[in-house]
Amino acid sequence: MNEIRFLTARELVQHYRDRLLSPVEVMHEVLESIAGLDPVVNCLCAVDGTQALAAARGSERRWKRGSPCGPLDGVPVSVKDLVGVRGQPTRYGSVTSSPEPESADAPAVARLRSAGALLFAKNTTSEFGNKIVTDSPLTGSTRNAWDTDLSSGGSSGGSAVAVAAGFGPLSLGTDGGGSIRIPSCWNGVVGFKPSVGLVPAGAAGTYTALSTLGPIARTATDATLMMDALTTPTVGERPGTGAIDFLSGADERLAGLRIAACLAPAGMAVESSIGECVRRALTVLRELGAHVEEVTLAPLSEYACSGLHSLQWSVFFAHRVRQMSPLQQAMLDPDLIALARAGERVDGITFAGALAARHQLTLAMAQFFGRYDLLVTPTFHVGPPPVPGLPPSLRCAPVLTSWCNQTGQPAVSVPCGIMDTGLPTGMQIVGPCGADARVLRAARAYEAARGPFPLSPLVRAVSPDEPEVFR
């Protein structure tokens, strides 16, 4: 495959270094593909081609001098519309938001810009990121890159579809319960939720510390490259606790790693073809030298029945909606209003009990990771629903992903197979808090052994030599 818009970020940087491509040429290709395909998938809510091409010309000059400004110099990157980008409005998927452009970048965006990223577009989101599908009163429904009759997932659905469709190899998403990992799973791309606090959240964070910012990428290597940029402070920014070497061990096997596998917590029905895809992926991990043990994982089974995440999430949105005028409230997504009304019915003692339960879950999982280095689960138990709307069966918090937001642990979704429906599915790899580099190293090792993952049918026609078979 040599289609420019489907080159990875790592390949783009190498092509710039070898003088085989120009950032200007790449940006033109991305903008042309957006004009043709975004009306079909509806994953972008704002595009600033003029600014992006100006930035690309600056990148081109730096590469000609042999002095790129960072690891993403000249790489097109889109940003979920919950995160501020200088010169563009932050609309949150809401008609209640201001259309005025931001005067400054959010901290994570400033780091991407400092690394040379070409920030060209904002991605669609559900209103204020409230649910796991991407539809909103402002932008309507974002459609799956593999089947446009189906949901993209959410709330970072715009980001996942943009990457899958070839609108740049990277996107910055947010994850408050699976919002990076679920749409990545359903669109055949990689989505990484870092440890809480590792990437500065700015205004996109929540007071419950459930949401984190992280990369959506075509490959685990690209997600790693983006994490390197997201964790590098800009000039003048106060240094953090120390740099993490995300790129180490890129070619290593997984010999000696103790991996627990939980294919379905007790009481959760996982579609058989999803379970089979994850089982095949576990075989690959074993061949890479890991010791894999299937477990039942009692804390996850208890969490599945607790409603812990849904309760906290509803209270957060009740608080947010209460700050709005009656006129603004009347313009909100009915799903968001229903969520807020549920939160209003939660009393203080119950909410405090949920926080105590969250603490107990965190302790239990810390003890679990004293015995294992990593945990593998399916990313989601079923495939995407039709658009529009969110079926009642998916209105509760996603059990397989949201517990990682409760405990603050790093987790990545990696494409691991094609379901019986012809749609992609993902394997979730979870590590203990702070083990972000280990999680990404395992994802890269699996990905290298698995081989290239197919493009979606929507875009495959432009790359007829795209491989169809993988492990």
Protein backbone atom coordinates (compact mmCIF):
# COMPACT_ATOMS: atom_id res chain seq x y z
CA MET A 1 0.00 0.00 0.00
CA ASN A 2 1.46 3.36 -1.00
CA GLU A 3 -1.57 5.67 -0.82
CA ILE A 4 -0.25 8.84 0.83
CA ARG A 5 -3.18 9.35 3.17
CA PHE A 6 -2.81 5.83 4.59
CA LEU A 7 0.85 6.15 5.50
CA THR A 8 1.45 5.99 9.23
CA ALA A 9 2.84 8.93 11.16
CA ARG A 10 6.14 7.08 11.49
CA GLU A 11 6.26 6.47 7.73
CA LEU A 12 5.44 10.11 6.99
CA VAL A 13 8.29 11.33 9.18
CA GLN A 14 10.70 8.91 7.49
CA HIS A 15 9.52 10.03 4.05
CA TYR A 16 10.11 13.67 5.02
CA ARG A 17 13.57 12.80 6.30
CA ASP A 18 14.38 10.98 3.03
CA ARG A 19 12.97 13.87 0.94
CA LEU A 20 10.41 11.53 -0.64
CA LEU A 21 7.38 13.54 0.47
CA SER A 22 6.54 17.06 1.56
CA PRO A 23 4.18 17.98 4.43
CA VAL A 24 2.44 20.31 1.99
CA GLU A 25 1.77 17.44 -0.41
CA VAL A 26 0.43 15.30 2.43
CA MET A 27 -1.82 18.05 3.77
CA HIS A 28 -3.28 18.63 0.31
CA GLU A 29 -4.05 14.90 0.03
CA VAL A 30 -5.80 14.88 3.41
CA LEU A 31 -7.90 17.93 2.59
CA GLU A 32 -8.92 16.46 -0.78
CA SER A 33 -9.96 13.18 0.84
CA ILE A 34 -12.00 15.09 3.44
CA ALA A 35 -13.89 16.92 0.71
CA GLY A 36 -14.84 13.62 -0.92
CA LEU A 37 -15.54 11.35 2.05
CA ASP A 38 -16.46 13.40 5.12
CA PRO A 39 -19.97 14.17 3.78
CA VAL A 40 -20.49 10.39 3.94
CA VAL A 41 -19.13 9.68 7.44
CA ASN A 42 -19.58 13.11 9.11
CA CYS A 43 -16.60 12.88 11.47
CA LEU A 44 -15.31 16.48 11.28
CA CYS A 45 -17.15 19.54 12.60
CA ALA A 46 -14.55 22.15 11.59
CA VAL A 47 -11.67 22.16 9.11
CA ASP A 48 -9.07 24.94 8.87
CA GLY A 49 -7.29 24.13 5.62
CA THR A 50 -5.72 27.56 5.27
CA GLN A 51 -4.00 27.41 8.63
CA ALA A 52 -3.03 23.75 8.10
CA LEU A 53 -1.37 24.46 4.76
CA ALA A 54 0.49 27.44 6.22
CA ALA A 55 1.77 25.20 9.02
CA ALA A 56 2.68 22.54 6.45
CA ARG A 57 4.80 25.06 4.53
CA GLY A 58 6.63 25.91 7.74
CA SER A 59 7.23 22.21 8.36
CA GLU A 60 8.48 21.77 4.79
CA ARG A 61 11.05 24.53 5.34
CA ARG A 62 12.27 22.88 8.56
CA TRP A 63 12.65 19.49 6.88
CA LYS A 64 14.57 21.06 3.99
CA ARG A 65 16.97 22.54 6.56
CA GLY A 66 17.21 19.17 8.27
CA SER A 67 15.88 20.63 11.52
CA PRO A 68 12.42 19.27 12.37
CA CYS A 69 11.01 20.77 15.55
CA GLY A 70 9.74 17.51 17.04
CA PRO A 71 8.68 13.88 16.48
CA LEU A 72 5.42 14.83 14.73
CA ASP A 73 6.72 17.58 12.46
CA GLY A 74 4.47 17.66 9.39
CA VAL A 75 2.05 14.97 10.62
CA PRO A 76 -1.68 15.87 10.25
CA VAL A 77 -3.51 15.55 13.59
CA SER A 78 -7.19 16.20 14.31
CA VAL A 79 -8.58 17.03 17.76
CA LYS A 80 -11.86 16.00 19.41
CA ASP A 81 -14.17 18.95 19.87
CA LEU A 82 -14.04 18.80 23.67
CA VAL A 83 -10.46 20.10 23.58
CA GLY A 84 -9.44 23.67 22.79
CA VAL A 85 -7.42 24.51 19.67
CA ARG A 86 -6.23 28.06 19.13
CA GLY A 87 -8.12 29.82 16.35
CA GLN A 88 -11.02 27.32 16.31
CA PRO A 89 -14.19 27.25 18.44
CA THR A 90 -14.78 24.45 20.95
CA ARG A 91 -18.42 23.50 20.41
CA TYR A 92 -18.72 20.31 22.54
CA GLY A 93 -21.33 18.96 20.09
CA SER A 94 -23.77 21.46 21.59
CA VAL A 95 -25.83 24.28 20.14
CA THR A 96 -25.52 25.91 23.58
CA SER A 97 -21.78 26.49 23.06
CA SER A 98 -20.04 29.63 21.83
CA PRO A 99 -18.94 29.82 18.17
CA GLU A 100 -16.08 32.14 19.11
CA PRO A 101 -12.57 30.81 18.36
CA GLU A 102 -10.26 29.87 21.21
CA SER A 103 -7.43 32.29 22.00
CA ALA A 104 -5.09 29.54 23.25
CA ASP A 105 -4.43 25.82 22.86
CA ALA A 106 -5.35 23.36 25.57
CA PRO A 107 -2.16 22.09 27.27
CA ALA A 108 -2.09 18.77 25.38
CA VAL A 109 -2.72 20.55 22.06
CA ALA A 110 0.11 22.97 22.81
CA ARG A 111 2.41 19.97 23.22
CA LEU A 112 1.30 18.53 19.88
CA ARG A 113 1.85 21.88 18.17
CA SER A 114 5.28 22.14 19.77
CA ALA A 115 6.09 18.68 18.36
CA GLY A 116 5.28 19.93 14.85
CA ALA A 117 1.79 18.45 14.40
CA LEU A 118 -0.40 19.99 11.69
CA LEU A 119 -3.64 20.71 13.58
CA PHE A 120 -6.14 20.84 10.75
CA ALA A 121 -9.61 19.88 12.09
CA LYS A 122 -11.94 19.30 15.03
CA ASN A 123 -13.69 15.93 15.39
CA THR A 124 -17.35 15.35 16.17
CA THR A 125 -18.43 14.20 19.63
CA SER A 126 -21.63 13.39 21.45
CA GLU A 127 -22.84 16.44 23.39
CA PHE A 128 -20.23 17.14 26.07
CA GLY A 129 -19.04 13.55 25.53
CA ASN A 130 -22.04 12.12 27.39
CA LYS A 131 -22.46 8.70 25.70
CA ILE A 132 -20.81 5.90 23.73
CA VAL A 133 -22.23 6.85 20.33
CA THR A 134 -21.37 10.04 18.46
CA ASP A 135 -24.51 11.99 17.69
CA SER A 136 -25.40 15.45 18.86
CA PRO A 137 -27.88 18.28 18.30
CA LEU A 138 -25.08 20.30 16.69
CA THR A 139 -23.56 17.84 14.19
CA GLY A 140 -25.96 14.90 13.87
CA SER A 141 -24.69 11.31 13.61
CA THR A 142 -21.14 10.23 12.84
CA ARG A 143 -21.13 6.99 10.90
CA ASN A 144 -18.94 3.93 11.14
CA ALA A 145 -16.02 3.79 8.71
CA TRP A 146 -16.79 0.13 7.94
CA ASP A 147 -20.58 0.38 7.57
CA THR A 148 -22.25 3.78 7.36
CA ASP A 149 -25.57 2.35 8.56
CA LEU A 150 -23.93 1.77 11.93
CA SER A 151 -22.64 3.96 14.73
CA SER A 152 -19.03 5.07 14.94
CA GLY A 153 -19.09 4.56 18.70
CA GLY A 154 -18.27 7.42 21.00
CA SER A 155 -17.81 9.77 22.36
CA SER A 156 -14.53 10.08 20.40
CA GLY A 157 -16.24 8.61 17.34
CA GLY A 158 -15.22 11.48 15.10
CA SER A 159 -11.58 10.91 15.96
CA ALA A 160 -11.69 7.15 15.32
CA VAL A 161 -13.50 7.53 12.00
CA ALA A 162 -11.12 10.28 10.86
CA VAL A 163 -8.13 8.00 11.38
CA ALA A 164 -9.87 5.00 9.79
CA ALA A 165 -10.91 7.10 6.78
CA GLY A 166 -7.42 8.45 6.15
CA PHE A 167 -8.00 12.00 7.42
CA GLY A 168 -4.56 12.07 9.03
CA PRO A 169 -2.90 9.19 10.88
CA LEU A 170 -3.49 10.60 14.38
CA SER A 171 -6.26 12.17 16.44
CA LEU A 172 -6.51 13.40 20.02
CA GLY A 173 -9.50 11.97 21.88
CA THR A 174 -10.86 11.92 25.40
CA ASP A 175 -11.93 8.89 27.42
CA GLY A 176 -14.27 9.08 30.42
CA GLY A 177 -15.50 5.47 30.34
CA GLY A 178 -14.26 3.99 27.07
CA SER A 179 -14.71 6.94 24.72
CA ILE A 180 -11.33 6.41 23.03
CA ARG A 181 -11.29 2.62 23.12
CA ILE A 182 -14.84 1.77 22.02
CA PRO A 183 -14.91 3.74 18.73
CA SER A 184 -11.37 2.54 18.02
CA CYS A 185 -12.58 -1.04 18.46
CA TRP A 186 -15.56 -0.51 16.17
CA ASN A 187 -13.55 1.25 13.43
CA GLY A 188 -10.46 -0.99 13.27
CA VAL A 189 -7.91 1.46 14.72
CA VAL A 190 -5.82 1.75 17.90
CA GLY A 191 -7.02 3.80 20.88
CA PHE A 192 -5.01 4.37 24.06
CA LYS A 193 -6.29 5.69 27.40
CA PRO A 194 -3.24 6.70 29.47
CA SER A 195 -2.89 6.57 33.24
CA VAL A 196 -4.87 9.35 34.88
CA GLY A 197 -2.93 12.61 35.00
CA LEU A 198 -0.22 11.56 32.55
CA VAL A 199 -1.52 13.81 29.75
CA PRO A 200 -2.70 17.26 30.92
CA ALA A 201 -6.48 17.43 30.54
CA GLY A 202 -7.13 21.13 31.03
CA ALA A 203 -10.82 22.03 30.67
CA ALA A 204 -11.54 18.61 29.12
CA GLY A 205 -11.03 16.93 32.51
CA THR A 206 -13.70 16.35 35.14
CA TYR A 207 -13.74 16.89 38.87
CA THR A 208 -14.24 13.15 39.35
CA ALA A 209 -10.95 12.53 37.48
CA LEU A 210 -12.65 10.00 35.21
CA SER A 211 -11.65 11.54 31.88
CA THR A 212 -8.22 11.40 30.30
CA LEU A 213 -6.83 12.55 26.95
CA GLY A 214 -5.08 10.13 24.64
CA PRO A 215 -4.20 9.12 21.08
CA ILE A 216 -6.23 7.38 18.41
CA ALA A 217 -3.96 6.09 15.67
CA ARG A 218 -3.68 3.67 12.79
CA THR A 219 -1.02 1.63 14.62
CA ALA A 220 0.24 1.08 18.14
CA THR A 221 3.61 2.45 17.06
CA ASP A 222 1.94 5.70 16.01
CA ALA A 223 0.04 5.85 19.31
CA THR A 224 3.38 5.48 21.07
CA LEU A 225 4.91 8.26 18.97
CA MET A 226 1.99 10.53 19.85
CA MET A 227 2.28 9.72 23.55
CA ASP A 228 5.91 10.77 23.40
CA ALA A 229 4.76 14.20 22.18
CA LEU A 230 1.82 14.42 24.62
CA THR A 231 4.07 13.83 27.62
CA THR A 232 6.86 16.22 26.60
CA PRO A 233 6.39 19.66 28.23
CA THR A 234 6.53 22.71 25.98
CA VAL A 235 9.18 25.39 26.43
CA GLY A 236 8.36 27.28 29.61
CA GLU A 237 6.05 24.56 30.93
CA ARG A 238 6.89 23.19 34.35
CA PRO A 239 8.47 19.71 33.95
CA GLY A 240 6.51 16.75 35.22
CA THR A 241 7.72 13.80 37.24
CA GLY A 242 10.22 12.69 34.61
CA ALA A 243 10.22 11.58 31.01
CA ILE A 244 8.87 8.16 30.06
CA ASP A 245 10.70 6.22 27.36
CA PHE A 246 7.64 5.06 25.42
CA LEU A 247 9.62 3.89 22.41
CA SER A 248 11.92 1.44 24.19
CA GLY A 249 11.50 -2.26 23.53
CA ALA A 250 9.86 -1.72 20.15
CA ASP A 251 11.30 -4.94 18.74
CA GLU A 252 11.20 -7.06 21.87
CA ARG A 253 9.21 -10.20 22.43
CA LEU A 254 7.03 -10.56 25.49
CA ALA A 255 9.08 -13.28 27.18
CA GLY A 256 8.45 -13.44 30.90
CA LEU A 257 5.37 -11.20 30.97
CA ARG A 258 2.55 -12.56 33.13
CA ILE A 259 -0.72 -11.84 31.29
CA ALA A 260 -4.15 -12.55 32.75
CA ALA A 261 -7.01 -12.98 30.30
CA CYS A 262 -10.66 -12.40 31.20
CA LEU A 263 -12.79 -13.08 28.15
CA ALA A 264 -16.04 -12.25 29.93
CA PRO A 265 -16.72 -11.23 33.54
CA ALA A 266 -19.38 -13.37 35.23
CA GLY A 267 -22.82 -12.50 33.95
CA MET A 268 -21.64 -10.69 30.80
CA ALA A 269 -22.48 -12.17 27.41
CA VAL A 270 -19.73 -11.53 24.86
CA GLU A 271 -20.58 -12.22 21.21
CA SER A 272 -19.00 -15.52 20.21
CA SER A 273 -17.08 -14.14 17.22
CA ILE A 274 -15.57 -11.41 19.43
CA GLY A 275 -14.47 -13.99 21.97
CA GLU A 276 -12.93 -16.09 19.20
CA CYS A 277 -10.98 -13.12 17.84
CA VAL A 278 -9.55 -12.39 21.29
CA ARG A 279 -8.67 -16.06 21.81
CA ARG A 280 -6.67 -16.05 18.58
CA ALA A 281 -4.89 -12.92 19.77
CA LEU A 282 -4.00 -14.67 23.04
CA THR A 283 -2.37 -17.44 21.00
CA VAL A 284 -0.16 -14.81 19.36
CA LEU A 285 0.79 -13.39 22.78
CA ARG A 286 1.78 -16.89 23.93
CA GLU A 287 3.91 -17.36 20.82
CA LEU A 288 5.65 -14.10 21.68
CA GLY A 289 6.77 -15.62 24.97
CA ALA A 290 4.15 -14.35 27.40
CA HIS A 291 2.68 -16.60 30.07
CA VAL A 292 -1.09 -16.24 29.57
CA GLU A 293 -3.56 -17.44 32.21
CA GLU A 294 -7.34 -17.22 31.87
CA VAL A 295 -8.97 -15.81 35.01
CA THR A 296 -12.49 -14.99 36.21
CA LEU A 297 -11.50 -11.70 37.92
CA ALA A 298 -14.05 -11.33 40.72
CA PRO A 299 -13.63 -7.53 41.17
CA LEU A 300 -14.74 -6.99 37.56
CA SER A 301 -17.74 -9.28 37.99
CA GLU A 302 -18.77 -7.34 41.10
CA TYR A 303 -18.23 -4.05 39.28
CA ALA A 304 -20.46 -5.22 36.43
CA CYS A 305 -23.40 -5.36 38.85
CA SER A 306 -22.67 -2.20 40.82
CA GLY A 307 -23.73 0.67 38.57
CA LEU A 308 -20.74 2.48 40.03
CA HIS A 309 -19.66 4.36 36.93
CA SER A 310 -23.15 5.24 35.73
CA LEU A 311 -23.98 6.79 39.10
CA GLN A 312 -20.93 9.05 39.13
CA TRP A 313 -21.31 9.93 35.45
CA SER A 314 -24.94 10.97 35.96
CA VAL A 315 -24.09 13.19 38.93
CA PHE A 316 -21.36 14.92 36.93
CA PHE A 317 -23.82 15.74 34.14
CA ALA A 318 -26.52 16.80 36.60
CA HIS A 319 -24.03 19.31 37.98
CA ARG A 320 -23.15 20.53 34.49
CA VAL A 321 -26.75 20.93 33.35
CA ARG A 322 -27.67 22.78 36.52
CA GLN A 323 -25.28 25.57 35.51
CA MET A 324 -27.30 26.18 32.32
CA SER A 325 -30.30 28.44 31.82
CA PRO A 326 -33.75 26.90 31.16
CA LEU A 327 -33.45 28.02 27.53
CA GLN A 328 -30.11 26.21 27.14
CA GLN A 329 -31.45 23.10 28.84
CA ALA A 330 -34.31 23.00 26.34
CA MET A 331 -31.76 22.73 23.50
CA LEU A 332 -29.85 19.76 24.92
CA ASP A 333 -29.79 16.20 23.63
CA PRO A 334 -32.66 14.27 25.29
CA ASP A 335 -30.16 11.54 26.23
CA LEU A 336 -28.09 14.10 28.13
CA ILE A 337 -31.18 15.45 29.90
CA ALA A 338 -32.19 11.92 30.94
CA LEU A 339 -28.68 11.33 32.27
CA ALA A 340 -28.75 14.58 34.25
CA ARG A 341 -32.20 13.81 35.69
CA ALA A 342 -30.90 10.46 36.92
CA GLY A 343 -28.01 12.26 38.60
CA GLU A 344 -30.34 14.67 40.35
CA ARG A 345 -31.96 11.72 42.13
CA VAL A 346 -28.65 10.60 43.68
CA ASP A 347 -28.26 11.76 47.29
CA GLY A 348 -24.96 12.73 48.88
CA ILE A 349 -24.59 9.58 50.97
CA THR A 350 -25.09 7.40 47.91
CA PHE A 351 -22.54 9.40 45.94
CA ALA A 352 -20.04 9.14 48.80
CA GLY A 353 -20.66 5.40 48.84
CA ALA A 354 -19.84 5.24 45.14
CA LEU A 355 -16.54 7.02 45.76
CA ALA A 356 -15.76 4.57 48.57
CA ALA A 357 -16.55 1.65 46.26
CA ARG A 358 -14.29 3.18 43.64
CA HIS A 359 -11.48 3.25 46.20
CA GLN A 360 -12.07 -0.41 47.04
CA LEU A 361 -12.02 -1.36 43.35
CA THR A 362 -8.74 0.52 42.93
CA LEU A 363 -7.20 -1.38 45.85
CA ALA A 364 -8.47 -4.73 44.54
CA MET A 365 -7.03 -4.13 41.08
CA ALA A 366 -3.71 -2.94 42.51
CA GLN A 367 -3.54 -6.24 44.42
CA PHE A 368 -4.44 -8.14 41.24
CA PHE A 369 -1.60 -6.45 39.34
CA GLY A 370 0.78 -7.54 42.03
CA ARG A 371 0.41 -11.01 40.49
CA TYR A 372 0.14 -10.09 36.81
CA ASP A 373 1.89 -7.62 34.51
CA LEU A 374 -1.02 -7.12 32.12
CA LEU A 375 -4.69 -7.99 31.70
CA VAL A 376 -6.39 -8.77 28.37
CA THR A 377 -10.14 -8.51 27.75
CA PRO A 378 -12.35 -7.84 24.75
CA THR A 379 -12.74 -4.09 24.28
CA PHE A 380 -16.50 -4.35 23.88
CA HIS A 381 -18.93 -7.26 24.13
CA VAL A 382 -21.00 -6.53 20.98
CA GLY A 383 -20.64 -4.72 17.67
CA PRO A 384 -21.90 -1.21 16.90
CA PRO A 385 -25.64 -0.41 16.84
CA PRO A 386 -27.46 1.23 13.91
CA VAL A 387 -27.65 5.01 13.63
CA PRO A 388 -29.26 7.08 14.91
CA GLY A 389 -29.67 6.61 18.64
CA LEU A 390 -28.43 4.49 21.50
CA PRO A 391 -30.36 1.28 22.26
CA PRO A 392 -31.50 0.73 25.87
CA SER A 393 -29.16 -2.25 26.20
CA LEU A 394 -26.15 0.06 25.80
CA ARG A 395 -27.28 2.93 28.04
CA CYS A 396 -25.43 1.65 31.10
CA ALA A 397 -21.71 2.25 31.57
CA PRO A 398 -19.59 -0.10 29.42
CA VAL A 399 -18.30 -2.64 31.93
CA LEU A 400 -15.17 -3.78 30.09
CA THR A 401 -13.76 -0.27 29.67
CA SER A 402 -15.20 2.06 32.32
CA TRP A 403 -13.58 0.32 35.31
CA CYS A 404 -10.18 1.49 34.03
CA ASN A 405 -11.42 5.08 34.36
CA GLN A 406 -12.45 4.36 37.94
CA THR A 407 -9.01 3.04 38.84
CA GLY A 408 -7.01 5.37 36.58
CA GLN A 409 -5.19 2.56 34.79
CA PRO A 410 -3.74 2.64 31.24
CA ALA A 411 -5.57 0.61 28.60
CA VAL A 412 -5.30 0.23 24.85
CA SER A 413 -7.67 -1.23 22.26
CA VAL A 414 -5.89 -2.97 19.37
CA PRO A 415 -7.70 -4.45 16.34
CA CYS A 416 -7.59 -8.22 16.71
CA GLY A 417 -9.96 -9.63 14.13
CA ILE A 418 -13.06 -9.41 11.97
CA MET A 419 -16.38 -10.51 13.44
CA ASP A 420 -18.91 -12.70 11.63
CA THR A 421 -20.65 -9.49 10.57
CA GLY A 422 -17.55 -8.36 8.65
CA LEU A 423 -16.80 -5.62 11.18
CA PRO A 424 -13.58 -5.20 13.17
CA THR A 425 -13.26 -5.86 16.86
CA GLY A 426 -10.57 -5.13 19.42
CA MET A 427 -8.53 -6.63 22.21
CA GLN A 428 -8.06 -4.45 25.29
CA ILE A 429 -4.69 -4.59 27.07
CA VAL A 430 -4.65 -3.08 30.57
CA GLY A 431 -1.73 -2.42 32.88
CA PRO A 432 -1.25 -1.13 36.42
CA CYS A 433 -1.14 2.63 36.96
CA GLY A 434 2.05 4.06 35.51
CA ALA A 435 2.76 1.06 33.27
CA ASP A 436 1.76 2.93 30.10
CA ALA A 437 4.98 2.06 28.28
CA ARG A 438 4.50 -1.64 29.07
CA VAL A 439 0.93 -1.61 27.73
CA LEU A 440 2.02 0.05 24.50
CA ARG A 441 5.01 -2.27 24.13
CA ALA A 442 2.70 -5.29 24.33
CA ALA A 443 0.36 -3.71 21.79
CA ARG A 444 3.26 -3.10 19.39
CA ALA A 445 4.57 -6.63 19.78
CA TYR A 446 1.14 -8.14 19.10
CA GLU A 447 0.59 -5.81 16.16
CA ALA A 448 3.94 -6.74 14.59
CA ALA A 449 3.16 -10.44 14.88
CA ARG A 450 -0.44 -10.00 13.68
CA GLY A 451 0.57 -8.11 10.54
CA PRO A 452 -1.17 -5.19 8.82
CA PHE A 453 -4.86 -4.79 9.59
CA PRO A 454 -7.20 -4.33 6.60
CA LEU A 455 -8.63 -0.96 5.67
CA SER A 456 -12.39 -0.52 5.83
CA PRO A 457 -14.46 -1.41 2.74
CA LEU A 458 -15.33 2.29 2.47
CA VAL A 459 -11.74 3.21 1.65
CA ARG A 460 -10.23 -0.08 0.46
CA ALA A 461 -10.91 0.66 -3.20
CA VAL A 462 -8.22 3.34 -3.23
CA SER A 463 -5.59 0.75 -2.16
CA PRO A 464 -6.25 -2.45 -4.12
CA ASP A 465 -3.07 -4.09 -2.82
CA GLU A 466 -4.20 -3.76 0.82
CA PRO A 467 -3.75 -7.13 2.60
CA GLU A 468 -6.92 -9.03 3.45
CA VAL A 469 -5.40 -11.74 5.64
CA PHE A 470 -3.84 -11.27 9.06
CA ARG A 471 -3.32 -13.29 12.22
